[in-house]
């Protein structure tokens, strides 16, 4: 199974394909220094194959390369980050915290 994750900034989402077939997406809002993930969805026919985790990992890697922080409002993204502590440093913290 070959997967590919592509950022589509005009649609404000990362999309994942599996063997060329659309399999899911992660929607976001973008500001100058912050990416807020709002919703992640994997097509039911692709569930249980680890594509959600692949999508989030590659999206976060792209965000990290761009030097941006992440606000994970999407429960899936939030839970994924909690299970992968090497990504916690990316999570936005207000200056009051």
Protein backbone atom coordinates (compact mmCIF):
# COMPACT_ATOMS: atom_id res chain seq x y z
CA UNK A 1 0.00 0.00 0.00
CA UNK A 2 1.63 3.24 -1.19
CA UNK A 3 0.50 6.39 0.61
CA UNK A 4 1.04 10.05 -0.12
CA UNK A 5 0.18 13.09 2.00
CA UNK A 6 -0.16 16.44 0.23
CA UNK A 7 -0.93 19.88 1.64
CA UNK A 8 -3.65 21.72 -0.27
CA UNK A 9 -3.46 25.23 1.22
CA UNK A 10 -6.23 26.55 -1.04
CA UNK A 11 -8.58 24.04 0.62
CA UNK A 12 -6.88 24.38 4.04
CA UNK A 13 -6.29 20.67 4.41
CA UNK A 14 -3.78 17.87 4.12
CA UNK A 15 -5.01 14.94 2.05
CA UNK A 16 -3.84 11.33 2.09
CA UNK A 17 -4.13 8.88 -0.76
CA UNK A 18 -3.61 5.13 -0.68
CA UNK A 19 -2.50 3.56 -3.94
CA UNK A 20 -3.72 6.72 -5.68
CA UNK A 21 -7.19 6.63 -4.11
CA UNK A 22 -8.37 9.49 -1.84
CA UNK A 23 -8.41 8.07 1.69
CA UNK A 24 -8.87 11.03 4.03
CA UNK A 25 -7.94 14.53 5.08
CA UNK A 26 -7.02 16.78 8.00
CA UNK A 27 -8.55 20.26 7.93
CA UNK A 28 -6.79 23.27 9.42
CA UNK A 29 -6.80 27.02 9.88
CA UNK A 30 -3.56 28.92 9.33
CA UNK A 31 -2.25 32.14 10.84
CA UNK A 32 1.23 33.63 10.54
CA UNK A 33 2.78 31.29 13.13
CA UNK A 34 0.09 28.75 14.03
CA UNK A 35 -1.73 25.83 12.40
CA UNK A 36 -5.00 24.91 14.11
CA UNK A 37 -6.15 21.39 13.20
CA UNK A 38 -9.95 21.34 13.34
CA UNK A 39 -11.09 18.02 11.86
CA UNK A 40 -9.59 14.76 10.60
CA UNK A 41 -11.48 12.19 8.59
CA UNK A 42 -10.54 8.83 7.06
CA UNK A 43 -12.87 7.21 4.54
CA UNK A 44 -14.55 4.20 6.22
CA UNK A 45 -13.18 1.84 3.57
CA UNK A 46 -9.64 2.77 4.69
CA UNK A 47 -10.16 2.69 8.46
CA UNK A 48 -7.99 0.40 10.56
CA UNK A 49 -4.99 0.61 8.24
CA UNK A 50 -3.04 3.28 10.12
CA UNK A 51 -3.71 5.98 7.56
CA UNK A 52 -4.97 8.47 10.16
CA UNK A 53 -1.66 8.26 12.00
CA UNK A 54 0.31 8.55 8.77
CA UNK A 55 -1.71 11.60 7.77
CA UNK A 56 -1.18 13.35 11.11
CA UNK A 57 2.53 12.48 11.32
CA UNK A 58 3.30 13.78 7.83
CA UNK A 59 1.18 16.90 8.31
CA UNK A 60 2.94 17.66 11.61
CA UNK A 61 6.33 17.04 10.03
CA UNK A 62 5.46 19.58 7.34
CA UNK A 63 4.28 22.09 9.95
CA UNK A 64 7.50 21.58 11.94
CA UNK A 65 9.62 22.18 8.82
CA UNK A 66 7.79 25.46 8.32
CA UNK A 67 8.59 26.50 11.92
CA UNK A 68 4.95 26.82 12.98
CA UNK A 69 3.21 25.84 16.21
CA UNK A 70 0.15 23.57 16.35
CA UNK A 71 -3.18 23.97 18.12
CA UNK A 72 -4.85 20.53 18.01
CA UNK A 73 -8.59 21.21 18.38
CA UNK A 74 -9.35 18.00 16.49
CA UNK A 75 -9.63 15.17 19.05
CA UNK A 76 -7.82 12.72 16.75
CA UNK A 77 -4.83 15.02 16.26
CA UNK A 78 -4.76 15.87 19.97
CA UNK A 79 -4.81 12.20 20.96
CA UNK A 80 -2.14 11.32 18.41
CA UNK A 81 0.18 14.00 19.75
CA UNK A 82 -0.41 12.81 23.33
CA UNK A 83 0.68 9.29 22.28
CA UNK A 84 3.77 10.63 20.45
CA UNK A 85 5.63 12.86 22.94
CA UNK A 86 8.28 13.83 20.38
CA UNK A 87 5.62 16.12 18.86
CA UNK A 88 4.42 17.76 22.08
CA UNK A 89 6.96 20.58 21.72
CA UNK A 90 4.99 21.78 18.69
CA UNK A 91 1.79 22.42 20.64
CA UNK A 92 0.97 26.09 21.09
CA UNK A 93 1.33 27.47 24.61
CA UNK A 94 0.08 30.94 25.44
CA UNK A 95 2.59 33.34 26.95
CA UNK A 96 0.47 33.29 30.13
CA UNK A 97 1.09 29.57 30.72
